[in-house]
């Protein structure tokens, strides 16, 4: 998998904007530290879970091993914690996009 190019100027703009917002709204900033970070991560996880439904699938152990290896590789590449559910969502999305593209292109060509 090719590494994504990071838009450093975009990152700089976003950081400047966040700094500006923090100055304008100091009530939105908290103490720095692991406790604060953990609280934000928990909030983000709860928000992400609020818009999802849990499903149960049986998958071969070999496939689970491949998913876990991919999650570990993504974690290493991004520096973020990537779990099995993240990998499944990403791969399903990419797979569906790949198989839906030919149908979308075909429908566009059929239209006058």
PDB file of N, CA and C in Angstrom:
ATOM      1  N   UNK A   1       0.845  -1.173   0.000  1.00  0.00           N
ATOM      2  CA  UNK A   1       0.000   0.000   0.000  1.00  0.00           C
ATOM      3  C   UNK A   1       0.891   1.238   0.000  1.00  0.00           C
ATOM      4  N   UNK A   2       0.615   2.138  -0.902  1.00  0.00           N
ATOM      5  CA  UNK A   2       1.411   3.368  -1.007  1.00  0.00           C
ATOM      6  C   UNK A   2       1.072   4.303   0.150  1.00  0.00           C
ATOM      7  N   UNK A   3       2.090   4.987   0.630  1.00  0.00           N
ATOM      8  CA  UNK A   3       1.864   5.943   1.708  1.00  0.00           C
ATOM      9  C   UNK A   3       1.160   7.173   1.153  1.00  0.00           C
ATOM     10  N   UNK A   4       0.252   7.729   1.953  1.00  0.00           N
ATOM     11  CA  UNK A   4      -0.459   8.928   1.544  1.00  0.00           C
ATOM     12  C   UNK A   4       0.440  10.134   1.737  1.00  0.00           C
ATOM     13  N   UNK A   5       0.297  11.089   0.849  1.00  0.00           N
ATOM     14  CA  UNK A   5       1.041  12.335   0.951  1.00  0.00           C
ATOM     15  C   UNK A   5       0.301  13.243   1.931  1.00  0.00           C
ATOM     16  N   UNK A   6       1.038  13.818   2.849  1.00  0.00           N
ATOM     17  CA  UNK A   6       0.439  14.706   3.846  1.00  0.00           C
ATOM     18  C   UNK A   6       0.555  16.141   3.357  1.00  0.00           C
ATOM     19  N   UNK A   7      -0.550  16.848   3.382  1.00  0.00           N
ATOM     20  CA  UNK A   7      -0.588  18.251   2.996  1.00  0.00           C
ATOM     21  C   UNK A   7      -0.091  19.076   4.181  1.00  0.00           C
ATOM     22  N   UNK A   8       1.211  19.322   4.255  1.00  0.00           N
ATOM     23  CA  UNK A   8       1.790  20.025   5.396  1.00  0.00           C
ATOM     24  C   UNK A   8       1.262  21.444   5.530  1.00  0.00           C
ATOM     25  N   UNK A   9       1.040  22.117   4.421  1.00  0.00           N
ATOM     26  CA  UNK A   9       0.475  23.466   4.493  1.00  0.00           C
ATOM     27  C   UNK A   9      -0.936  23.426   5.057  1.00  0.00           C
ATOM     28  N   UNK A  10      -1.692  22.427   4.664  1.00  0.00           N
ATOM     29  CA  UNK A  10      -3.039  22.266   5.206  1.00  0.00           C
ATOM     30  C   UNK A  10      -3.010  21.994   6.704  1.00  0.00           C
ATOM     31  N   UNK A  11      -2.039  21.195   7.138  1.00  0.00           N
ATOM     32  CA  UNK A  11      -1.886  20.913   8.562  1.00  0.00           C
ATOM     33  C   UNK A  11      -1.537  22.197   9.307  1.00  0.00           C
ATOM     34  N   UNK A  12      -0.632  22.982   8.744  1.00  0.00           N
ATOM     35  CA  UNK A  12      -0.242  24.242   9.378  1.00  0.00           C
ATOM     36  C   UNK A  12      -1.437  25.195   9.488  1.00  0.00           C
ATOM     37  N   UNK A  13      -2.239  25.272   8.408  1.00  0.00           N
ATOM     38  CA  UNK A  13      -3.427  26.133   8.434  1.00  0.00           C
ATOM     39  C   UNK A  13      -4.404  25.667   9.511  1.00  0.00           C
ATOM     40  N   UNK A  14      -4.601  24.360   9.591  1.00  0.00           N
ATOM     41  CA  UNK A  14      -5.528  23.814  10.583  1.00  0.00           C
ATOM     42  C   UNK A  14      -5.041  24.094  12.000  1.00  0.00           C
ATOM     43  N   UNK A  15      -3.740  23.945  12.220  1.00  0.00           N
ATOM     44  CA  UNK A  15      -3.194  24.217  13.556  1.00  0.00           C
ATOM     45  C   UNK A  15      -3.349  25.695  13.923  1.00  0.00           C
ATOM     46  N   UNK A  16      -3.109  26.573  12.945  1.00  0.00           N
ATOM     47  CA  UNK A  16      -3.291  28.011  13.211  1.00  0.00           C
ATOM     48  C   UNK A  16      -4.745  28.306  13.559  1.00  0.00           C
ATOM     49  N   UNK A  17      -5.656  27.686  12.842  1.00  0.00           N
ATOM     50  CA  UNK A  17      -7.083  27.890  13.098  1.00  0.00           C
ATOM     51  C   UNK A  17      -7.453  27.378  14.484  1.00  0.00           C
ATOM     52  N   UNK A  18      -6.934  26.225  14.868  1.00  0.00           N
ATOM     53  CA  UNK A  18      -7.209  25.693  16.201  1.00  0.00           C
ATOM     54  C   UNK A  18      -6.654  26.601  17.285  1.00  0.00           C
ATOM     55  N   UNK A  19      -5.459  27.117  17.062  1.00  0.00           N
ATOM     56  CA  UNK A  19      -4.874  28.054  18.031  1.00  0.00           C
ATOM     57  C   UNK A  19      -5.735  29.308  18.160  1.00  0.00           C
ATOM     58  N   UNK A  20      -6.233  29.795  17.016  1.00  0.00           N
ATOM     59  CA  UNK A  20      -7.088  30.978  17.029  1.00  0.00           C
ATOM     60  C   UNK A  20      -8.384  30.688  17.804  1.00  0.00           C
ATOM     61  N   UNK A  21      -8.978  29.550  17.557  1.00  0.00           N
ATOM     62  CA  UNK A  21     -10.203  29.181  18.267  1.00  0.00           C
ATOM     63  C   UNK A  21      -9.958  29.036  19.768  1.00  0.00           C
ATOM     64  N   UNK A  22      -8.802  28.477  20.135  1.00  0.00           N
ATOM     65  CA  UNK A  22      -8.468  28.319  21.559  1.00  0.00           C
ATOM     66  C   UNK A  22      -8.326  29.678  22.234  1.00  0.00           C
ATOM     67  N   UNK A  23      -7.767  30.660  21.505  1.00  0.00           N
ATOM     68  CA  UNK A  23      -7.634  32.003  22.077  1.00  0.00           C
ATOM     69  C   UNK A  23      -9.001  32.672  22.224  1.00  0.00           C
ATOM     70  N   UNK A  24      -9.853  32.481  21.217  1.00  0.00           N
ATOM     71  CA  UNK A  24     -11.172  33.096  21.245  1.00  0.00           C
ATOM     72  C   UNK A  24     -12.103  32.429  22.262  1.00  0.00           C
ATOM     73  N   UNK A  25     -11.891  31.133  22.511  1.00  0.00           N
ATOM     74  CA  UNK A  25     -12.775  30.368  23.399  1.00  0.00           C
ATOM     75  C   UNK A  25     -11.940  29.535  24.374  1.00  0.00           C
ATOM     76  N   UNK A  26     -11.287  30.194  25.337  1.00  0.00           N
ATOM     77  CA  UNK A  26     -10.433  29.451  26.273  1.00  0.00           C
ATOM     78  C   UNK A  26     -11.199  28.416  27.101  1.00  0.00           C
ATOM     79  N   UNK A  27     -12.517  28.606  27.210  1.00  0.00           N
ATOM     80  CA  UNK A  27     -13.313  27.648  27.980  1.00  0.00           C
ATOM     81  C   UNK A  27     -13.351  26.263  27.329  1.00  0.00           C
ATOM     82  N   UNK A  28     -12.994  26.207  26.047  1.00  0.00           N
ATOM     83  CA  UNK A  28     -13.003  24.925  25.333  1.00  0.00           C
ATOM     84  C   UNK A  28     -11.704  24.141  25.488  1.00  0.00           C
ATOM     85  N   UNK A  29     -10.698  24.760  26.057  1.00  0.00           N
ATOM     86  CA  UNK A  29      -9.420  24.065  26.233  1.00  0.00           C
ATOM     87  C   UNK A  29      -9.319  23.549  27.660  1.00  0.00           C
ATOM     88  N   UNK A  30      -8.617  22.496  27.809  1.00  0.00           N
ATOM     89  CA  UNK A  30      -8.439  21.906  29.132  1.00  0.00           C
ATOM     90  C   UNK A  30      -6.963  21.760  29.430  1.00  0.00           C
ATOM     91  N   UNK A  31      -6.704  21.165  30.565  1.00  0.00           N
ATOM     92  CA  UNK A  31      -5.321  20.927  30.948  1.00  0.00           C
ATOM     93  C   UNK A  31      -4.693  19.934  29.987  1.00  0.00           C
ATOM     94  N   UNK A  32      -3.404  20.102  29.769  1.00  0.00           N
ATOM     95  CA  UNK A  32      -2.687  19.155  28.930  1.00  0.00           C
ATOM     96  C   UNK A  32      -2.338  17.938  29.771  1.00  0.00           C
ATOM     97  N   UNK A  33      -2.301  16.810  29.120  1.00  0.00           N
ATOM     98  CA  UNK A  33      -1.888  15.614  29.834  1.00  0.00           C
ATOM     99  C   UNK A  33      -2.658  14.387  29.389  1.00  0.00           C
ATOM    100  N   UNK A  34      -2.195  13.260  29.861  1.00  0.00           N
ATOM    101  CA  UNK A  34      -2.778  11.973  29.463  1.00  0.00           C
ATOM    102  C   UNK A  34      -4.239  11.845  29.883  1.00  0.00           C
ATOM    103  N   UNK A  35      -4.594  12.352  31.054  1.00  0.00           N
ATOM    104  CA  UNK A  35      -5.970  12.245  31.528  1.00  0.00           C
ATOM    105  C   UNK A  35      -6.924  12.973  30.573  1.00  0.00           C
ATOM    106  N   UNK A  36      -6.543  14.184  30.156  1.00  0.00           N
ATOM    107  CA  UNK A  36      -7.362  14.952  29.225  1.00  0.00           C
ATOM    108  C   UNK A  36      -7.468  14.217  27.887  1.00  0.00           C
ATOM    109  N   UNK A  37      -6.332  13.733  27.405  1.00  0.00           N
ATOM    110  CA  UNK A  37      -6.306  13.016  26.120  1.00  0.00           C
ATOM    111  C   UNK A  37      -7.205  11.785  26.182  1.00  0.00           C
ATOM    112  N   UNK A  38      -7.106  11.023  27.276  1.00  0.00           N
ATOM    113  CA  UNK A  38      -7.932   9.825  27.424  1.00  0.00           C
ATOM    114  C   UNK A  38      -9.418  10.176  27.431  1.00  0.00           C
ATOM    115  N   UNK A  39      -9.744  11.293  28.073  1.00  0.00           N
ATOM    116  CA  UNK A  39     -11.137  11.725  28.087  1.00  0.00           C
ATOM    117  C   UNK A  39     -11.657  12.053  26.701  1.00  0.00           C
ATOM    118  N   UNK A  40     -10.838  12.749  25.921  1.00  0.00           N
ATOM    119  CA  UNK A  40     -11.241  13.082  24.548  1.00  0.00           C
ATOM    120  C   UNK A  40     -11.371  11.828  23.694  1.00  0.00           C
ATOM    121  N   UNK A  41     -10.434  10.905  23.830  1.00  0.00           N
ATOM    122  CA  UNK A  41     -10.508   9.665  23.053  1.00  0.00           C
ATOM    123  C   UNK A  41     -11.772   8.884  23.390  1.00  0.00           C
ATOM    124  N   UNK A  42     -12.118   8.838  24.678  1.00  0.00           N
ATOM    125  CA  UNK A  42     -13.338   8.144  25.085  1.00  0.00           C
ATOM    126  C   UNK A  42     -14.562   8.814  24.467  1.00  0.00           C
ATOM    127  N   UNK A  43     -14.592  10.133  24.483  1.00  0.00           N
ATOM    128  CA  UNK A  43     -15.712  10.878  23.897  1.00  0.00           C
ATOM    129  C   UNK A  43     -15.820  10.605  22.403  1.00  0.00           C
ATOM    130  N   UNK A  44     -14.689  10.631  21.713  1.00  0.00           N
ATOM    131  CA  UNK A  44     -14.694  10.375  20.269  1.00  0.00           C
ATOM    132  C   UNK A  44     -15.161   8.954  19.964  1.00  0.00           C
ATOM    133  N   UNK A  45     -14.717   7.994  20.763  1.00  0.00           N
ATOM    134  CA  UNK A  45     -15.138   6.608  20.555  1.00  0.00           C
ATOM    135  C   UNK A  45     -16.639   6.459  20.788  1.00  0.00           C
ATOM    136  N   UNK A  46     -17.149   7.121  21.828  1.00  0.00           N
ATOM    137  CA  UNK A  46     -18.589   7.053  22.110  1.00  0.00           C
ATOM    138  C   UNK A  46     -19.379   7.682  20.974  1.00  0.00           C
ATOM    139  N   UNK A  47     -18.898   8.802  20.438  1.00  0.00           N
ATOM    140  CA  UNK A  47     -19.579   9.446  19.311  1.00  0.00           C
ATOM    141  C   UNK A  47     -19.587   8.536  18.093  1.00  0.00           C
ATOM    142  N   UNK A  48     -18.457   7.897  17.835  1.00  0.00           N
ATOM    143  CA  UNK A  48     -18.366   7.003  16.675  1.00  0.00           C
ATOM    144  C   UNK A  48     -19.294   5.807  16.851  1.00  0.00           C
ATOM    145  N   UNK A  49     -19.411   5.305  18.067  1.00  0.00           N
ATOM    146  CA  UNK A  49     -20.246   4.137  18.325  1.00  0.00           C
ATOM    147  C   UNK A  49     -21.728   4.494  18.274  1.00  0.00           C
ATOM    148  N   UNK A  50     -22.066   5.749  18.535  1.00  0.00           N
ATOM    149  CA  UNK A  50     -23.472   6.156  18.582  1.00  0.00           C
ATOM    150  C   UNK A  50     -24.153   5.999  17.229  1.00  0.00           C
ATOM    151  N   UNK A  51     -23.413   6.113  16.146  1.00  0.00           N
ATOM    152  CA  UNK A  51     -23.994   6.051  14.806  1.00  0.00           C
ATOM    153  C   UNK A  51     -23.733   4.716  14.125  1.00  0.00           C
ATOM    154  N   UNK A  52     -23.539   3.669  14.918  1.00  0.00           N
ATOM    155  CA  UNK A  52     -23.250   2.364  14.331  1.00  0.00           C
ATOM    156  C   UNK A  52     -24.155   1.305  14.942  1.00  0.00           C
ATOM    157  N   UNK A  53     -24.253   0.186  14.256  1.00  0.00           N
ATOM    158  CA  UNK A  53     -24.985  -0.975  14.737  1.00  0.00           C
ATOM    159  C   UNK A  53     -24.003  -2.134  14.801  1.00  0.00           C
ATOM    160  N   UNK A  54     -24.078  -2.909  15.844  1.00  0.00           N
ATOM    161  CA  UNK A  54     -23.167  -4.035  15.987  1.00  0.00           C
ATOM    162  C   UNK A  54     -23.717  -5.243  15.244  1.00  0.00           C
ATOM    163  N   UNK A  55     -22.843  -5.897  14.481  1.00  0.00           N
ATOM    164  CA  UNK A  55     -23.174  -7.114  13.759  1.00  0.00           C
ATOM    165  C   UNK A  55     -22.190  -8.193  14.140  1.00  0.00           C
ATOM    166  N   UNK A  56     -22.613  -9.433  14.048  1.00  0.00           N
ATOM    167  CA  UNK A  56     -21.736 -10.549  14.364  1.00  0.00           C
ATOM    168  C   UNK A  56     -21.529 -11.379  13.111  1.00  0.00           C
ATOM    169  N   UNK A  57     -20.255 -11.656  12.813  1.00  0.00           N
ATOM    170  CA  UNK A  57     -19.904 -12.483  11.669  1.00  0.00           C
ATOM    171  C   UNK A  57     -18.948 -13.567  12.122  1.00  0.00           C
ATOM    172  N   UNK A  58     -18.981 -14.669  11.459  1.00  0.00           N
ATOM    173  CA  UNK A  58     -17.979 -15.708  11.665  1.00  0.00           C
ATOM    174  C   UNK A  58     -16.995 -15.606  10.509  1.00  0.00           C
ATOM    175  N   UNK A  59     -15.721 -15.532  10.851  1.00  0.00           N
ATOM    176  CA  UNK A  59     -14.682 -15.423   9.841  1.00  0.00           C
ATOM    177  C   UNK A  59     -13.606 -16.455  10.122  1.00  0.00           C
ATOM    178  N   UNK A  60     -12.958 -16.971   9.089  1.00  0.00           N
ATOM    179  CA  UNK A  60     -11.869 -17.932   9.303  1.00  0.00           C
ATOM    180  C   UNK A  60     -10.717 -17.283  10.078  1.00  0.00           C
ATOM    181  N   UNK A  61     -10.050 -18.080  10.905  1.00  0.00           N
ATOM    182  CA  UNK A  61      -8.933 -17.577  11.705  1.00  0.00           C
ATOM    183  C   UNK A  61      -7.856 -16.937  10.834  1.00  0.00           C
ATOM    184  N   UNK A  62      -7.611 -17.502   9.658  1.00  0.00           N
ATOM    185  CA  UNK A  62      -6.593 -16.940   8.757  1.00  0.00           C
ATOM    186  C   UNK A  62      -6.946 -15.510   8.356  1.00  0.00           C
ATOM    187  N   UNK A  63      -8.226 -15.261   8.108  1.00  0.00           N
ATOM    188  CA  UNK A  63      -8.661 -13.926   7.722  1.00  0.00           C
ATOM    189  C   UNK A  63      -8.513 -12.956   8.895  1.00  0.00           C
ATOM    190  N   UNK A  64      -8.833 -13.403  10.086  1.00  0.00           N
ATOM    191  CA  UNK A  64      -8.660 -12.571  11.279  1.00  0.00           C
ATOM    192  C   UNK A  64      -7.187 -12.217  11.459  1.00  0.00           C
ATOM    193  N   UNK A  65      -6.316 -13.182  11.253  1.00  0.00           N
ATOM    194  CA  UNK A  65      -4.871 -12.915  11.364  1.00  0.00           C
ATOM    195  C   UNK A  65      -4.438 -11.868  10.351  1.00  0.00           C
ATOM    196  N   UNK A  66      -4.968 -11.950   9.138  1.00  0.00           N
ATOM    197  CA  UNK A  66      -4.619 -10.970   8.105  1.00  0.00           C
ATOM    198  C   UNK A  66      -5.149  -9.584   8.473  1.00  0.00           C
ATOM    199  N   UNK A  67      -6.374  -9.527   9.007  1.00  0.00           N
ATOM    200  CA  UNK A  67      -6.934  -8.250   9.444  1.00  0.00           C
ATOM    201  C   UNK A  67      -6.088  -7.637  10.562  1.00  0.00           C
ATOM    202  N   UNK A  68      -5.705  -8.466  11.518  1.00  0.00           N
ATOM    203  CA  UNK A  68      -4.892  -7.977  12.634  1.00  0.00           C
ATOM    204  C   UNK A  68      -3.526  -7.502  12.155  1.00  0.00           C
ATOM    205  N   UNK A  69      -2.934  -8.214  11.204  1.00  0.00           N
ATOM    206  CA  UNK A  69      -1.635  -7.803  10.664  1.00  0.00           C
ATOM    207  C   UNK A  69      -1.763  -6.463   9.940  1.00  0.00           C
ATOM    208  N   UNK A  70      -2.851  -6.286   9.206  1.00  0.00           N
ATOM    209  CA  UNK A  70      -3.073  -5.024   8.501  1.00  0.00           C
ATOM    210  C   UNK A  70      -3.281  -3.882   9.504  1.00  0.00           C
ATOM    211  N   UNK A  71      -4.026  -4.158  10.573  1.00  0.00           N
ATOM    212  CA  UNK A  71      -4.248  -3.146  11.605  1.00  0.00           C
ATOM    213  C   UNK A  71      -2.915  -2.739  12.232  1.00  0.00           C
ATOM    214  N   UNK A  72      -2.070  -3.715  12.495  1.00  0.00           N
ATOM    215  CA  UNK A  72      -0.758  -3.419  13.087  1.00  0.00           C
ATOM    216  C   UNK A  72       0.085  -2.580  12.120  1.00  0.00           C
ATOM    217  N   UNK A  73       0.026  -2.918  10.843  1.00  0.00           N
ATOM    218  CA  UNK A  73       0.792  -2.166   9.841  1.00  0.00           C
ATOM    219  C   UNK A  73       0.294  -0.724   9.746  1.00  0.00           C
ATOM    220  N   UNK A  74      -1.023  -0.542   9.727  1.00  0.00           N
ATOM    221  CA  UNK A  74      -1.582   0.812   9.672  1.00  0.00           C
ATOM    222  C   UNK A  74      -1.214   1.603  10.917  1.00  0.00           C
ATOM    223  N   UNK A  75      -1.239   0.955  12.055  1.00  0.00           N
ATOM    224  CA  UNK A  75      -0.852   1.633  13.297  1.00  0.00           C
ATOM    225  C   UNK A  75       0.584   2.115  13.205  1.00  0.00           C
ATOM    226  N   UNK A  76       1.453   1.272  12.662  1.00  0.00           N
ATOM    227  CA  UNK A  76       2.856   1.651  12.507  1.00  0.00           C
ATOM    228  C   UNK A  76       3.044   2.787  11.521  1.00  0.00           C
ATOM    229  N   UNK A  77       2.272   2.779  10.444  1.00  0.00           N
ATOM    230  CA  UNK A  77       2.400   3.806   9.414  1.00  0.00           C
ATOM    231  C   UNK A  77       1.840   5.150   9.862  1.00  0.00           C
ATOM    232  N   UNK A  78       0.744   5.108  10.627  1.00  0.00           N
ATOM    233  CA  UNK A  78       0.065   6.351  10.989  1.00  0.00           C
ATOM    234  C   UNK A  78       0.428   6.862  12.379  1.00  0.00           C
ATOM    235  N   UNK A  79       0.911   5.973  13.224  1.00  0.00           N
ATOM    236  CA  UNK A  79       1.180   6.362  14.605  1.00  0.00           C
ATOM    237  C   UNK A  79      -0.084   6.423  15.451  1.00  0.00           C
ATOM    238  N   UNK A  80      -1.202   5.989  14.891  1.00  0.00           N
ATOM    239  CA  UNK A  80      -2.480   5.970  15.609  1.00  0.00           C
ATOM    240  C   UNK A  80      -2.851   4.530  15.916  1.00  0.00           C
ATOM    241  N   UNK A  81      -3.658   4.344  16.946  1.00  0.00           N
ATOM    242  CA  UNK A  81      -4.111   3.000  17.269  1.00  0.00           C
ATOM    243  C   UNK A  81      -5.217   2.604  16.292  1.00  0.00           C
ATOM    244  N   UNK A  82      -4.989   1.544  15.553  1.00  0.00           N
ATOM    245  CA  UNK A  82      -5.964   1.045  14.588  1.00  0.00           C
ATOM    246  C   UNK A  82      -6.379  -0.340  15.054  1.00  0.00           C
ATOM    247  N   UNK A  83      -7.673  -0.541  15.256  1.00  0.00           N
ATOM    248  CA  UNK A  83      -8.130  -1.851  15.725  1.00  0.00           C
ATOM    249  C   UNK A  83      -8.784  -2.638  14.598  1.00  0.00           C
ATOM    250  N   UNK A  84      -9.183  -3.844  14.916  1.00  0.00           N
ATOM    251  CA  UNK A  84      -9.758  -4.745  13.911  1.00  0.00           C
ATOM    252  C   UNK A  84     -11.020  -4.143  13.289  1.00  0.00           C
ATOM    253  N   UNK A  85     -11.880  -3.533  14.100  1.00  0.00           N
ATOM    254  CA  UNK A  85     -13.117  -2.945  13.572  1.00  0.00           C
ATOM    255  C   UNK A  85     -12.809  -1.818  12.593  1.00  0.00           C
ATOM    256  N   UNK A  86     -11.791  -1.009  12.896  1.00  0.00           N
ATOM    257  CA  UNK A  86     -11.388   0.066  11.981  1.00  0.00           C
ATOM    258  C   UNK A  86     -10.968  -0.511  10.633  1.00  0.00           C
ATOM    259  N   UNK A  87     -10.206  -1.595  10.692  1.00  0.00           N
ATOM    260  CA  UNK A  87      -9.702  -2.224   9.469  1.00  0.00           C
ATOM    261  C   UNK A  87     -10.857  -2.802   8.656  1.00  0.00           C
ATOM    262  N   UNK A  88     -11.781  -3.472   9.325  1.00  0.00           N
ATOM    263  CA  UNK A  88     -12.918  -4.061   8.615  1.00  0.00           C
ATOM    264  C   UNK A  88     -13.730  -2.967   7.926  1.00  0.00           C
ATOM    265  N   UNK A  89     -14.006  -1.854   8.628  1.00  0.00           N
ATOM    266  CA  UNK A  89     -14.758  -0.749   8.022  1.00  0.00           C
ATOM    267  C   UNK A  89     -14.016  -0.189   6.814  1.00  0.00           C
ATOM    268  N   UNK A  90     -12.708   0.012   6.964  1.00  0.00           N
ATOM    269  CA  UNK A  90     -11.914   0.581   5.873  1.00  0.00           C
ATOM    270  C   UNK A  90     -11.905  -0.341   4.655  1.00  0.00           C
ATOM    271  N   UNK A  91     -11.653  -1.624   4.888  1.00  0.00           N
ATOM    272  CA  UNK A  91     -11.577  -2.557   3.770  1.00  0.00           C
ATOM    273  C   UNK A  91     -12.933  -2.776   3.106  1.00  0.00           C
ATOM    274  N   UNK A  92     -13.996  -2.834   3.907  1.00  0.00           N
ATOM    275  CA  UNK A  92     -15.330  -2.968   3.315  1.00  0.00           C
ATOM    276  C   UNK A  92     -15.679  -1.753   2.466  1.00  0.00           C
ATOM    277  N   UNK A  93     -15.371  -0.572   2.966  1.00  0.00           N
ATOM    278  CA  UNK A  93     -15.645   0.653   2.221  1.00  0.00           C
ATOM    279  C   UNK A  93     -14.871   0.671   0.912  1.00  0.00           C
ATOM    280  N   UNK A  94     -13.568   0.390   0.986  1.00  0.00           N
ATOM    281  CA  UNK A  94     -12.749   0.389  -0.225  1.00  0.00           C
ATOM    282  C   UNK A  94     -13.204  -0.682  -1.208  1.00  0.00           C
ATOM    283  N   UNK A  95     -13.529  -1.859  -0.687  1.00  0.00           N
ATOM    284  CA  UNK A  95     -13.994  -2.943  -1.550  1.00  0.00           C
ATOM    285  C   UNK A  95     -15.300  -2.601  -2.240  1.00  0.00           C
ATOM    286  N   UNK A  96     -16.234  -2.047  -1.493  1.00  0.00           N
ATOM    287  CA  UNK A  96     -17.511  -1.663  -2.090  1.00  0.00           C
ATOM    288  C   UNK A  96     -17.336  -0.551  -3.114  1.00  0.00           C
ATOM    289  N   UNK A  97     -16.476   0.423  -2.797  1.00  0.00           N
ATOM    290  CA  UNK A  97     -16.212   1.491  -3.765  1.00  0.00           C
ATOM    291  C   UNK A  97     -15.650   0.907  -5.057  1.00  0.00           C
ATOM    292  N   UNK A  98     -14.772  -0.073  -4.933  1.00  0.00           N
ATOM    293  CA  UNK A  98     -14.151  -0.669  -6.115  1.00  0.00           C
ATOM    294  C   UNK A  98     -15.165  -1.417  -6.975  1.00  0.00           C
ATOM    295  N   UNK A  99     -16.077  -2.151  -6.338  1.00  0.00           N
ATOM    296  CA  UNK A  99     -17.043  -2.914  -7.132  1.00  0.00           C
ATOM    297  C   UNK A  99     -18.203  -2.055  -7.603  1.00  0.00           C
ATOM    298  N   UNK A 100     -18.461  -0.937  -6.934  1.00  0.00           N
ATOM    299  CA  UNK A 100     -19.548  -0.061  -7.357  1.00  0.00           C
ATOM    300  C   UNK A 100     -19.130   0.875  -8.477  1.00  0.00           C
ATOM    301  N   UNK A 101     -17.859   1.194  -8.599  1.00  0.00           N
ATOM    302  CA  UNK A 101     -17.390   2.125  -9.634  1.00  0.00           C
ATOM    303  C   UNK A 101     -17.767   1.690 -11.038  1.00  0.00           C
ATOM    304  N   UNK A 102     -17.540   0.425 -11.410  1.00  0.00           N
ATOM    305  CA  UNK A 102     -17.933   0.038 -12.777  1.00  0.00           C
ATOM    306  C   UNK A 102     -19.414   0.249 -13.038  1.00  0.00           C
ATOM    307  N   UNK A 103     -20.273  -0.016 -12.057  1.00  0.00           N
ATOM    308  CA  UNK A 103     -21.711   0.184 -12.229  1.00  0.00           C
ATOM    309  C   UNK A 103     -22.058   1.659 -12.375  1.00  0.00           C
ATOM    310  N   UNK A 104     -21.399   2.514 -11.607  1.00  0.00           N
ATOM    311  CA  UNK A 104     -21.650   3.943 -11.687  1.00  0.00           C
ATOM    312  C   UNK A 104     -21.206   4.484 -13.043  1.00  0.00           C
ATOM    313  N   UNK A 105     -20.056   4.045 -13.509  1.00  0.00           N
ATOM    314  CA  UNK A 105     -19.549   4.503 -14.805  1.00  0.00           C
ATOM    315  C   UNK A 105     -20.474   4.022 -15.926  1.00  0.00           C
ATOM    316  N   UNK A 106     -20.963   2.800 -15.815  1.00  0.00           N
ATOM    317  CA  UNK A 106     -21.845   2.242 -16.823  1.00  0.00           C
ATOM    318  C   UNK A 106     -23.158   3.031 -16.885  1.00  0.00           C
ATOM    319  N   UNK A 107     -23.722   3.372 -15.701  1.00  0.00           N
ATOM    320  CA  UNK A 107     -24.961   4.135 -15.667  1.00  0.00           C
ATOM    321  C   UNK A 107     -24.788   5.518 -16.281  1.00  0.00           C
ATOM    322  N   UNK A 108     -23.629   6.147 -16.052  1.00  0.00           N
ATOM    323  CA  UNK A 108     -23.378   7.469 -16.619  1.00  0.00           C
ATOM    324  C   UNK A 108     -23.316   7.406 -18.135  1.00  0.00           C
ATOM    325  N   UNK A 109     -22.705   6.340 -18.668  1.00  0.00           N
ATOM    326  CA  UNK A 109     -22.593   6.212 -20.125  1.00  0.00           C
ATOM    327  C   UNK A 109     -23.943   5.951 -20.772  1.00  0.00           C
ATOM    328  N   UNK A 110     -24.850   5.278 -20.040  1.00  0.00           N
ATOM    329  CA  UNK A 110     -26.154   4.941 -20.607  1.00  0.00           C
ATOM    330  C   UNK A 110     -27.059   6.152 -20.694  1.00  0.00           C
ATOM    331  N   UNK A 111     -26.814   7.167 -19.874  1.00  0.00           N
ATOM    332  CA  UNK A 111     -27.664   8.367 -19.882  1.00  0.00           C
ATOM    333  C   UNK A 111     -27.332   9.222 -21.110  1.00  0.00           C
ATOM    334  N   UNK A 112     -28.389   9.762 -21.762  1.00  0.00           N
ATOM    335  CA  UNK A 112     -28.122  10.612 -22.943  1.00  0.00           C
ATOM    336  C   UNK A 112     -27.645  11.976 -22.565  1.00  0.00           C
TER     337      UNK A 112
END
